[in-house]
C-alpha atoms as a PDB file:
ATOM      1  CA  UNK A   1       0.000   0.000   0.000  1.00  0.00           C
ATOM      2  CA  UNK A   2       1.494   3.357  -0.990  1.00  0.00           C
ATOM      3  CA  UNK A   3       2.265   5.828   1.754  1.00  0.00           C
ATOM      4  CA  UNK A   4       0.364   9.079   1.725  1.00  0.00           C
ATOM      5  CA  UNK A   5      -0.173  12.184   3.781  1.00  0.00           C
ATOM      6  CA  UNK A   6      -3.586  12.781   5.286  1.00  0.00           C
ATOM      7  CA  UNK A   7      -4.277  16.509   4.892  1.00  0.00           C
ATOM      8  CA  UNK A   8      -7.472  17.627   6.540  1.00  0.00           C
ATOM      9  CA  UNK A   9      -8.979  18.847   3.267  1.00  0.00           C
ATOM     10  CA  UNK A  10      -8.377  15.420   1.764  1.00  0.00           C
ATOM     11  CA  UNK A  11      -9.899  13.719   4.803  1.00  0.00           C
ATOM     12  CA  UNK A  12     -13.000  15.954   4.708  1.00  0.00           C
ATOM     13  CA  UNK A  13     -13.345  17.227   1.127  1.00  0.00           C
ATOM     14  CA  UNK A  14     -16.970  18.181   1.710  1.00  0.00           C
ATOM     15  CA  UNK A  15     -15.802  20.780   4.256  1.00  0.00           C
ATOM     16  CA  UNK A  16     -13.033  22.343   2.171  1.00  0.00           C
ATOM     17  CA  UNK A  17     -14.406  25.896   2.328  1.00  0.00           C
ATOM     18  CA  UNK A  18     -15.248  25.671   6.027  1.00  0.00           C
ATOM     19  CA  UNK A  19     -11.767  24.391   6.817  1.00  0.00           C
ATOM     20  CA  UNK A  20     -10.220  27.290   4.945  1.00  0.00           C
ATOM     21  CA  UNK A  21     -12.454  29.836   6.713  1.00  0.00           C
ATOM     22  CA  UNK A  22     -11.848  28.341  10.148  1.00  0.00           C
ATOM     23  CA  UNK A  23      -8.104  28.209   9.581  1.00  0.00           C
ATOM     24  CA  UNK A  24      -8.134  31.954   8.934  1.00  0.00           C
ATOM     25  CA  UNK A  25     -10.729  33.078  11.500  1.00  0.00           C
ATOM     26  CA  UNK A  26     -10.394  30.668  14.437  1.00  0.00           C
ATOM     27  CA  UNK A  27      -7.067  30.652  16.293  1.00  0.00           C
ATOM     28  CA  UNK A  28      -7.873  27.471  18.215  1.00  0.00           C
ATOM     29  CA  UNK A  29      -8.791  25.631  15.019  1.00  0.00           C
ATOM     30  CA  UNK A  30      -5.675  26.945  13.312  1.00  0.00           C
ATOM     31  CA  UNK A  31      -3.424  25.714  16.145  1.00  0.00           C
ATOM     32  CA  UNK A  32      -5.060  22.288  16.160  1.00  0.00           C
ATOM     33  CA  UNK A  33      -4.726  22.050  12.410  1.00  0.00           C
ATOM     34  CA  UNK A  34      -1.031  22.899  12.628  1.00  0.00           C
ATOM     35  CA  UNK A  35      -0.551  20.181  15.265  1.00  0.00           C
ATOM     36  CA  UNK A  36      -2.444  17.718  13.087  1.00  0.00           C
ATOM     37  CA  UNK A  37      -0.295  18.547  10.048  1.00  0.00           C
ATOM     38  CA  UNK A  38       2.932  18.213  12.051  1.00  0.00           C
ATOM     39  CA  UNK A  39       1.865  14.825  13.415  1.00  0.00           C
ATOM     40  CA  UNK A  40       0.831  13.697   9.943  1.00  0.00           C
ATOM     41  CA  UNK A  41       4.235  14.630   8.536  1.00  0.00           C
ATOM     42  CA  UNK A  42       6.002  12.829  11.367  1.00  0.00           C
ATOM     43  CA  UNK A  43       3.899   9.681  10.882  1.00  0.00           C
ATOM     44  CA  UNK A  44       4.654   9.797   7.155  1.00  0.00           C
ATOM     45  CA  UNK A  45       8.411  10.095   7.770  1.00  0.00           C
ATOM     46  CA  UNK A  46       8.319   7.150  10.173  1.00  0.00           C
ATOM     47  CA  UNK A  47       6.232   4.979   7.865  1.00  0.00           C
ATOM     48  CA  UNK A  48       8.567   5.734   4.956  1.00  0.00           C
ATOM     49  CA  UNK A  49      11.539   4.652   7.105  1.00  0.00           C
ATOM     50  CA  UNK A  50      13.073   8.130   6.946  1.00  0.00           C
ATOM     51  CA  UNK A  51      12.736   8.382  10.725  1.00  0.00           C
ATOM     52  CA  UNK A  52      12.955   4.937  12.341  1.00  0.00           C
ATOM     53  CA  UNK A  53      11.283   4.427  15.693  1.00  0.00           C
ATOM     54  CA  UNK A  54       9.350   1.846  17.681  1.00  0.00           C
ATOM     55  CA  UNK A  55       5.926   0.542  16.736  1.00  0.00           C
ATOM     56  CA  UNK A  56       4.574   1.749  20.081  1.00  0.00           C
ATOM     57  CA  UNK A  57       5.749   5.292  19.436  1.00  0.00           C
ATOM     58  CA  UNK A  58       4.198   5.268  15.948  1.00  0.00           C
ATOM     59  CA  UNK A  59       0.931   3.917  17.331  1.00  0.00           C
ATOM     60  CA  UNK A  60       0.849   6.694  19.951  1.00  0.00           C
ATOM     61  CA  UNK A  61       1.454   9.340  17.280  1.00  0.00           C
ATOM     62  CA  UNK A  62      -1.385   7.945  15.201  1.00  0.00           C
ATOM     63  CA  UNK A  63      -3.694   8.038  18.221  1.00  0.00           C
ATOM     64  CA  UNK A  64      -2.794  11.676  18.857  1.00  0.00           C
ATOM     65  CA  UNK A  65      -3.359  12.504  15.188  1.00  0.00           C
ATOM     66  CA  UNK A  66      -6.748  10.797  15.274  1.00  0.00           C
ATOM     67  CA  UNK A  67      -7.767  12.630  18.463  1.00  0.00           C
ATOM     68  CA  UNK A  68      -6.887  15.990  16.931  1.00  0.00           C
ATOM     69  CA  UNK A  69      -8.661  15.024  13.707  1.00  0.00           C
ATOM     70  CA  UNK A  70     -11.791  14.210  15.727  1.00  0.00           C
ATOM     71  CA  UNK A  71     -11.535  17.552  17.556  1.00  0.00           C
ATOM     72  CA  UNK A  72     -11.169  19.401  14.257  1.00  0.00           C
ATOM     73  CA  UNK A  73     -14.110  17.547  12.757  1.00  0.00           C
ATOM     74  CA  UNK A  74     -16.263  18.462  15.743  1.00  0.00           C
ATOM     75  CA  UNK A  75     -15.371  22.133  15.347  1.00  0.00           C
ATOM     76  CA  UNK A  76     -16.159  21.971  11.641  1.00  0.00           C
ATOM     77  CA  UNK A  77     -19.553  20.359  12.290  1.00  0.00           C
ATOM     78  CA  UNK A  78     -20.429  23.001  14.886  1.00  0.00           C
ATOM     79  CA  UNK A  79     -19.995  25.843  12.383  1.00  0.00           C
END
């Protein structure tokens, strides 16, 4: 299976405009989105063997990324 990034707009294409607006207007959303993107990049580097680490560490990163993704999705749905 090919490795890929998981940008928020790709994860929720139906909310593309809302994501853009929230990123500009909502500081909390913007900070969470930045954290999500940083975690996504780190997970990608690890999965592509550019940054070796333990399976437990990778699993924890993925859990954090998923939690932030859920938080972002909740904010999007509330607007």
